[in-house]
């Protein structure tokens, strides 16, 4: 279950990873240094990209409890919508 939910500790590590990339870029003063660090930055950005993907997927993941709650609400809304529909033969004096 813990793999499906992105916990606050892991989110904090992701924030640190993103800040580390920003700090590393800021350390590279010249264009030549920045371009020379391309492979290092690509690896850091790749790691961040992968972790950001996991964050996005798991941050929007419904736990079984949340999914069950959504199902109950959806079924109740559908049931209420059906109960308010008029049966054409129910009250013939009503106009359509």
N, C-alpha and C. Protein backbone atom coordinates (compact mmCIF):
# COMPACT_ATOMS: atom_id res chain seq x y z
N UNK A 1 0.83 -1.19 0.00
CA UNK A 1 0.00 0.00 0.00
C UNK A 1 0.87 1.25 0.00
N UNK A 2 2.00 1.24 0.73
CA UNK A 2 2.80 2.45 0.84
C UNK A 2 3.39 2.86 -0.50
N UNK A 3 3.58 1.93 -1.42
CA UNK A 3 4.12 2.26 -2.73
C UNK A 3 3.11 3.04 -3.57
N UNK A 4 1.84 2.95 -3.24
CA UNK A 4 0.80 3.59 -4.04
C UNK A 4 0.49 5.01 -3.59
N UNK A 5 0.96 5.38 -2.41
CA UNK A 5 0.69 6.71 -1.88
C UNK A 5 2.02 7.43 -1.70
N UNK A 6 2.08 8.66 -2.15
CA UNK A 6 3.30 9.45 -2.05
C UNK A 6 3.31 10.16 -0.71
N UNK A 7 4.15 9.68 0.21
CA UNK A 7 4.13 10.23 1.57
C UNK A 7 4.89 11.55 1.67
N UNK A 8 4.65 12.31 2.73
CA UNK A 8 5.29 13.63 2.89
C UNK A 8 6.82 13.57 2.91
N UNK A 9 7.38 12.51 3.48
CA UNK A 9 8.84 12.38 3.52
C UNK A 9 9.42 12.26 2.11
N UNK A 10 8.77 11.49 1.28
CA UNK A 10 9.25 11.33 -0.10
C UNK A 10 9.07 12.63 -0.88
N UNK A 11 7.99 13.35 -0.61
CA UNK A 11 7.77 14.65 -1.26
C UNK A 11 8.86 15.63 -0.86
N UNK A 12 9.27 15.61 0.40
CA UNK A 12 10.34 16.50 0.86
C UNK A 12 11.65 16.16 0.16
N UNK A 13 11.91 14.87 -0.04
CA UNK A 13 13.13 14.46 -0.76
C UNK A 13 13.10 14.94 -2.21
N UNK A 14 11.93 14.88 -2.82
CA UNK A 14 11.79 15.38 -4.19
C UNK A 14 12.07 16.87 -4.24
N UNK A 15 11.54 17.63 -3.30
CA UNK A 15 11.80 19.07 -3.25
C UNK A 15 13.30 19.33 -3.09
N UNK A 16 13.98 18.55 -2.26
CA UNK A 16 15.43 18.70 -2.10
C UNK A 16 16.17 18.39 -3.40
N UNK A 17 15.73 17.38 -4.10
CA UNK A 17 16.35 17.02 -5.38
C UNK A 17 16.21 18.16 -6.39
N UNK A 18 15.04 18.75 -6.45
CA UNK A 18 14.82 19.87 -7.38
C UNK A 18 15.67 21.08 -6.98
N UNK A 19 15.78 21.34 -5.69
CA UNK A 19 16.62 22.45 -5.23
C UNK A 19 18.10 22.18 -5.52
N UNK A 20 18.52 20.93 -5.41
CA UNK A 20 19.91 20.56 -5.70
C UNK A 20 20.24 20.85 -7.16
N UNK A 21 19.31 20.57 -8.04
CA UNK A 21 19.53 20.88 -9.47
C UNK A 21 19.69 22.38 -9.64
N UNK A 22 18.80 23.15 -9.02
CA UNK A 22 18.87 24.61 -9.14
C UNK A 22 20.19 25.13 -8.57
N UNK A 23 20.61 24.61 -7.42
CA UNK A 23 21.87 25.05 -6.81
C UNK A 23 23.07 24.70 -7.68
N UNK A 24 23.04 23.50 -8.26
CA UNK A 24 24.15 23.09 -9.12
C UNK A 24 24.24 23.99 -10.34
N UNK A 25 23.14 24.32 -10.93
CA UNK A 25 23.13 25.22 -12.09
C UNK A 25 23.65 26.60 -11.68
N UNK A 26 23.24 27.07 -10.52
CA UNK A 26 23.69 28.38 -10.04
C UNK A 26 25.20 28.39 -9.78
N UNK A 27 25.76 27.25 -9.39
CA UNK A 27 27.21 27.16 -9.15
C UNK A 27 28.02 27.30 -10.43
N UNK A 28 27.45 26.94 -11.54
CA UNK A 28 28.16 26.97 -12.82
C UNK A 28 28.10 28.39 -13.37
N UNK A 29 29.19 29.13 -13.21
CA UNK A 29 29.21 30.57 -13.48
C UNK A 29 29.23 30.92 -14.97
N UNK A 30 29.99 30.21 -15.73
CA UNK A 30 30.12 30.58 -17.14
C UNK A 30 29.32 29.65 -18.02
N UNK A 31 29.10 30.11 -19.24
CA UNK A 31 28.40 29.26 -20.21
C UNK A 31 29.19 27.98 -20.46
N UNK A 32 30.51 28.09 -20.50
CA UNK A 32 31.35 26.91 -20.76
C UNK A 32 31.20 25.89 -19.64
N UNK A 33 31.18 26.35 -18.39
CA UNK A 33 31.00 25.43 -17.26
C UNK A 33 29.61 24.77 -17.32
N UNK A 34 28.63 25.58 -17.64
CA UNK A 34 27.26 25.06 -17.71
C UNK A 34 27.13 24.00 -18.78
N UNK A 35 27.69 24.28 -19.95
CA UNK A 35 27.60 23.31 -21.05
C UNK A 35 28.44 22.07 -20.78
N UNK A 36 29.59 22.25 -20.13
CA UNK A 36 30.44 21.11 -19.81
C UNK A 36 29.78 20.18 -18.79
N UNK A 37 28.92 20.73 -17.97
CA UNK A 37 28.24 19.93 -16.95
C UNK A 37 26.98 19.26 -17.51
N UNK A 38 26.81 19.31 -18.81
CA UNK A 38 25.62 18.74 -19.44
C UNK A 38 25.29 17.32 -19.01
N UNK A 39 26.23 16.38 -19.08
CA UNK A 39 25.91 15.00 -18.69
C UNK A 39 25.47 14.89 -17.22
N UNK A 40 26.15 15.61 -16.34
CA UNK A 40 25.79 15.59 -14.92
C UNK A 40 24.38 16.14 -14.72
N UNK A 41 24.09 17.25 -15.38
CA UNK A 41 22.77 17.86 -15.25
C UNK A 41 21.68 16.98 -15.85
N UNK A 42 21.99 16.34 -16.97
CA UNK A 42 21.02 15.44 -17.60
C UNK A 42 20.66 14.28 -16.65
N UNK A 43 21.67 13.74 -15.95
CA UNK A 43 21.39 12.66 -15.01
C UNK A 43 20.52 13.18 -13.87
N UNK A 44 20.88 14.34 -13.32
CA UNK A 44 20.10 14.90 -12.22
C UNK A 44 18.67 15.18 -12.67
N UNK A 45 18.52 15.75 -13.86
CA UNK A 45 17.17 16.06 -14.36
C UNK A 45 16.39 14.79 -14.67
N UNK A 46 17.09 13.75 -15.14
CA UNK A 46 16.42 12.47 -15.39
C UNK A 46 15.88 11.87 -14.10
N UNK A 47 16.70 11.92 -13.05
CA UNK A 47 16.25 11.41 -11.74
C UNK A 47 15.04 12.21 -11.26
N UNK A 48 15.13 13.53 -11.40
CA UNK A 48 14.02 14.40 -10.96
C UNK A 48 12.77 14.13 -11.79
N UNK A 49 12.96 13.97 -13.08
CA UNK A 49 11.81 13.70 -13.97
C UNK A 49 11.10 12.41 -13.57
N UNK A 50 11.88 11.39 -13.31
CA UNK A 50 11.30 10.10 -12.90
C UNK A 50 10.55 10.25 -11.58
N UNK A 51 11.16 10.94 -10.63
CA UNK A 51 10.51 11.10 -9.33
C UNK A 51 9.28 12.00 -9.44
N UNK A 52 9.34 13.02 -10.28
CA UNK A 52 8.17 13.87 -10.50
C UNK A 52 7.01 13.08 -11.09
N UNK A 53 7.33 12.16 -11.99
CA UNK A 53 6.30 11.30 -12.56
C UNK A 53 5.63 10.47 -11.47
N UNK A 54 6.46 9.86 -10.60
CA UNK A 54 5.90 9.06 -9.50
C UNK A 54 5.05 9.93 -8.57
N UNK A 55 5.52 11.13 -8.32
CA UNK A 55 4.76 12.05 -7.47
C UNK A 55 3.40 12.34 -8.09
N UNK A 56 3.40 12.67 -9.37
CA UNK A 56 2.14 13.01 -10.05
C UNK A 56 1.17 11.83 -10.03
N UNK A 57 1.66 10.65 -10.32
CA UNK A 57 0.80 9.47 -10.36
C UNK A 57 0.26 9.13 -8.97
N UNK A 58 1.13 9.13 -7.98
CA UNK A 58 0.72 8.71 -6.64
C UNK A 58 -0.03 9.80 -5.89
N UNK A 59 0.25 11.05 -6.21
CA UNK A 59 -0.48 12.14 -5.55
C UNK A 59 -1.95 12.14 -5.98
N UNK A 60 -2.22 11.62 -7.16
CA UNK A 60 -3.59 11.58 -7.66
C UNK A 60 -4.23 10.20 -7.50
N UNK A 61 -3.50 9.26 -6.91
CA UNK A 61 -4.00 7.90 -6.72
C UNK A 61 -5.08 7.87 -5.64
N UNK A 62 -6.15 7.20 -5.92
CA UNK A 62 -7.19 7.00 -4.92
C UNK A 62 -6.86 5.76 -4.11
N UNK A 63 -6.77 5.91 -2.82
CA UNK A 63 -6.61 4.75 -1.96
C UNK A 63 -7.90 3.93 -2.05
N UNK A 64 -7.88 2.69 -1.66
CA UNK A 64 -9.11 1.89 -1.71
C UNK A 64 -10.26 2.54 -0.94
N UNK A 65 -9.96 3.18 0.18
CA UNK A 65 -11.00 3.83 0.96
C UNK A 65 -11.62 5.00 0.18
N UNK A 66 -10.77 5.81 -0.46
CA UNK A 66 -11.26 6.95 -1.23
C UNK A 66 -12.06 6.46 -2.44
N UNK A 67 -11.55 5.43 -3.11
CA UNK A 67 -12.27 4.88 -4.27
C UNK A 67 -13.64 4.36 -3.86
N UNK A 68 -13.71 3.70 -2.70
CA UNK A 68 -15.00 3.20 -2.21
C UNK A 68 -15.95 4.35 -1.90
N UNK A 69 -15.44 5.41 -1.29
CA UNK A 69 -16.27 6.57 -0.99
C UNK A 69 -16.81 7.20 -2.27
N UNK A 70 -15.95 7.33 -3.27
CA UNK A 70 -16.39 7.89 -4.55
C UNK A 70 -17.47 7.02 -5.18
N UNK A 71 -17.31 5.69 -5.09
CA UNK A 71 -18.30 4.78 -5.65
C UNK A 71 -19.65 4.95 -4.95
N UNK A 72 -19.64 5.04 -3.64
CA UNK A 72 -20.88 5.18 -2.88
C UNK A 72 -21.58 6.48 -3.27
N UNK A 73 -20.82 7.57 -3.36
CA UNK A 73 -21.41 8.86 -3.73
C UNK A 73 -21.97 8.80 -5.14
N UNK A 74 -21.20 8.21 -6.07
CA UNK A 74 -21.66 8.11 -7.47
C UNK A 74 -22.95 7.31 -7.56
N UNK A 75 -23.01 6.17 -6.85
CA UNK A 75 -24.23 5.35 -6.88
C UNK A 75 -25.41 6.09 -6.26
N UNK A 76 -25.17 6.83 -5.19
CA UNK A 76 -26.26 7.58 -4.56
C UNK A 76 -26.76 8.67 -5.51
N UNK A 77 -25.86 9.33 -6.21
CA UNK A 77 -26.27 10.36 -7.17
C UNK A 77 -27.06 9.76 -8.31
N UNK A 78 -26.63 8.61 -8.80
CA UNK A 78 -27.36 7.95 -9.89
C UNK A 78 -28.74 7.50 -9.42
N UNK A 79 -28.82 6.98 -8.21
CA UNK A 79 -30.10 6.52 -7.66
C UNK A 79 -31.05 7.70 -7.49
N UNK A 80 -30.54 8.82 -6.97
CA UNK A 80 -31.38 10.01 -6.81
C UNK A 80 -31.84 10.54 -8.16
N UNK A 81 -30.96 10.52 -9.15
CA UNK A 81 -31.34 11.02 -10.48
C UNK A 81 -32.46 10.16 -11.06
N UNK A 82 -32.40 8.87 -10.83
CA UNK A 82 -33.43 7.98 -11.35
C UNK A 82 -34.75 8.16 -10.60
N UNK A 83 -34.70 8.43 -9.31
CA UNK A 83 -35.93 8.52 -8.54
C UNK A 83 -36.73 9.77 -8.88
N UNK A 84 -36.10 10.77 -9.45
CA UNK A 84 -36.81 11.99 -9.79
C UNK A 84 -37.38 11.99 -11.21
N UNK A 85 -37.05 10.97 -11.96
CA UNK A 85 -37.58 10.89 -13.32
C UNK A 85 -39.06 10.49 -13.25
N UNK A 86 -39.88 11.14 -14.05
CA UNK A 86 -41.31 10.83 -14.07
C UNK A 86 -41.56 9.60 -14.93
N UNK A 87 -42.36 8.73 -14.43
CA UNK A 87 -42.82 7.59 -15.18
C UNK A 87 -44.02 8.07 -15.98
N UNK A 88 -44.01 7.93 -17.32
CA UNK A 88 -45.11 8.46 -18.13
C UNK A 88 -46.49 7.93 -17.71
N UNK A 89 -46.58 6.73 -17.19
CA UNK A 89 -47.87 6.17 -16.80
C UNK A 89 -48.21 6.41 -15.35
N UNK A 90 -47.33 7.06 -14.62
CA UNK A 90 -47.52 7.24 -13.18
C UNK A 90 -48.61 8.25 -12.86
N UNK A 91 -48.54 9.43 -13.44
CA UNK A 91 -49.52 10.48 -13.20
C UNK A 91 -49.92 11.08 -14.55
N UNK A 92 -50.90 10.49 -15.21
CA UNK A 92 -51.23 10.91 -16.57
C UNK A 92 -51.76 12.34 -16.68
N UNK A 93 -52.22 12.94 -15.58
CA UNK A 93 -52.73 14.30 -15.66
C UNK A 93 -51.61 15.34 -15.77
N UNK A 94 -50.36 14.92 -15.48
CA UNK A 94 -49.26 15.87 -15.60
C UNK A 94 -48.87 16.04 -17.06
N UNK A 95 -48.62 17.26 -17.42
CA UNK A 95 -48.13 17.52 -18.77
C UNK A 95 -46.65 17.21 -18.87
N UNK A 96 -46.24 16.99 -20.06
CA UNK A 96 -44.81 16.69 -20.25
C UNK A 96 -44.03 17.93 -20.50
